[in-house]
Amino acid sequence: MENAAYGVALCAECGMVSSLHATGGGRLVAVACVNGDELPVMPCGRCRQLLWENGGPTMLLRTARGVVPMTEVLPDAFDDGDLAGRS
């Protein structure tokens, strides 16, 4: 869902991850983001981070160049390992 002010938009990926948490779901294994013509589109940066945190480095994403692991989508991802030992 997009608004005229993109900062208050709610991407479909955000809704999916929220639903995952609300229903007690586990980890994402594979995700496909498509436009109205069912062609693959790349998630925005915020959503790439959400996908990483809820699917991890091996989660697969369908892209215009094929199915790739998150390590190719977000090669230098920030995750909970970066928070270890920090208070």
Protein backbone atom coordinates (compact mmCIF):
# COMPACT_ATOMS: atom_id res chain seq x y z
CA MET A 1 0.00 0.00 0.00
CA GLU A 2 1.53 3.31 -0.99
CA ASN A 3 0.67 6.79 0.23
CA ALA A 4 1.52 10.12 -1.37
CA ALA A 5 4.00 10.50 1.51
CA TYR A 6 6.24 7.45 1.18
CA GLY A 7 7.46 7.74 4.77
CA VAL A 8 4.08 6.61 6.07
CA ALA A 9 3.54 3.86 3.50
CA LEU A 10 3.18 0.25 4.59
CA CYS A 11 4.98 -2.11 2.23
CA ALA A 12 3.47 -5.52 1.63
CA GLU A 13 6.60 -7.11 3.10
CA CYS A 14 6.02 -5.25 6.38
CA GLY A 15 2.46 -6.55 6.49
CA MET A 16 3.66 -10.08 5.78
CA VAL A 17 6.27 -9.98 8.57
CA SER A 18 3.75 -8.44 10.99
CA SER A 19 1.30 -11.23 10.19
CA LEU A 20 4.06 -13.80 10.66
CA HIS A 21 4.74 -12.49 14.17
CA ALA A 22 1.06 -12.03 15.05
CA THR A 23 0.24 -15.63 14.17
CA GLY A 24 3.24 -17.17 15.93
CA GLY A 25 4.94 -18.12 12.67
CA GLY A 26 8.55 -19.20 12.29
CA ARG A 27 11.25 -18.16 9.85
CA LEU A 28 10.76 -17.12 6.24
CA VAL A 29 12.18 -19.62 3.75
CA ALA A 30 11.39 -18.00 0.39
CA VAL A 31 9.67 -14.80 -0.72
CA ALA A 32 8.46 -13.45 -4.05
CA CYS A 33 7.58 -9.76 -4.42
CA VAL A 34 5.66 -9.01 -7.61
CA ASN A 35 3.97 -6.04 -9.27
CA GLY A 36 0.45 -5.91 -10.73
CA ASP A 37 1.66 -7.83 -13.80
CA GLU A 38 3.16 -10.54 -11.55
CA LEU A 39 6.70 -9.55 -12.53
CA PRO A 40 9.37 -9.66 -9.82
CA VAL A 41 10.21 -6.39 -8.06
CA MET A 42 12.92 -5.79 -5.48
CA PRO A 43 11.94 -4.93 -1.92
CA CYS A 44 12.98 -1.52 -0.63
CA GLY A 45 15.95 -1.27 1.72
CA ARG A 46 13.82 -1.32 4.85
CA CYS A 47 12.05 -4.44 3.68
CA ARG A 48 15.31 -6.15 2.72
CA GLN A 49 16.38 -5.69 6.35
CA LEU A 50 13.06 -7.08 7.60
CA LEU A 51 13.41 -10.10 5.31
CA TRP A 52 16.97 -10.70 6.53
CA GLU A 53 15.95 -10.52 10.18
CA ASN A 54 13.01 -12.88 9.65
CA GLY A 55 14.54 -15.26 7.12
CA GLY A 56 18.28 -14.98 7.53
CA PRO A 57 21.10 -15.30 5.03
CA THR A 58 19.75 -18.45 3.36
CA MET A 59 16.23 -17.14 2.73
CA LEU A 60 15.53 -17.14 -1.01
CA LEU A 61 14.15 -14.14 -2.87
CA ARG A 62 12.73 -14.22 -6.39
CA THR A 63 14.28 -11.39 -8.40
CA ALA A 64 14.30 -10.30 -12.03
CA ARG A 65 17.57 -12.22 -12.45
CA GLY A 66 16.28 -15.37 -10.76
CA VAL A 67 16.05 -16.78 -7.26
CA VAL A 68 18.90 -15.64 -5.03
CA PRO A 69 19.78 -16.02 -1.32
CA MET A 70 19.59 -12.98 0.91
CA THR A 71 23.40 -12.89 1.06
CA GLU A 72 23.28 -11.63 -2.55
CA VAL A 73 20.46 -9.17 -1.87
CA LEU A 74 21.97 -7.71 1.30
CA PRO A 75 25.65 -8.78 1.33
CA ASP A 76 26.73 -6.78 4.39
CA ALA A 77 23.57 -7.19 6.42
CA PHE A 78 23.21 -5.94 9.99
CA ASP A 79 21.69 -8.46 12.37
CA ASP A 80 21.60 -9.49 16.02
CA GLY A 81 25.19 -10.71 15.78
CA ASP A 82 26.23 -7.08 15.45
CA LEU A 83 24.58 -6.34 18.80
CA ALA A 84 26.39 -9.07 20.77
CA GLY A 85 28.04 -7.74 23.88
CA ARG A 86 26.46 -4.32 23.57
CA SER A 87 24.11 -2.88 26.16
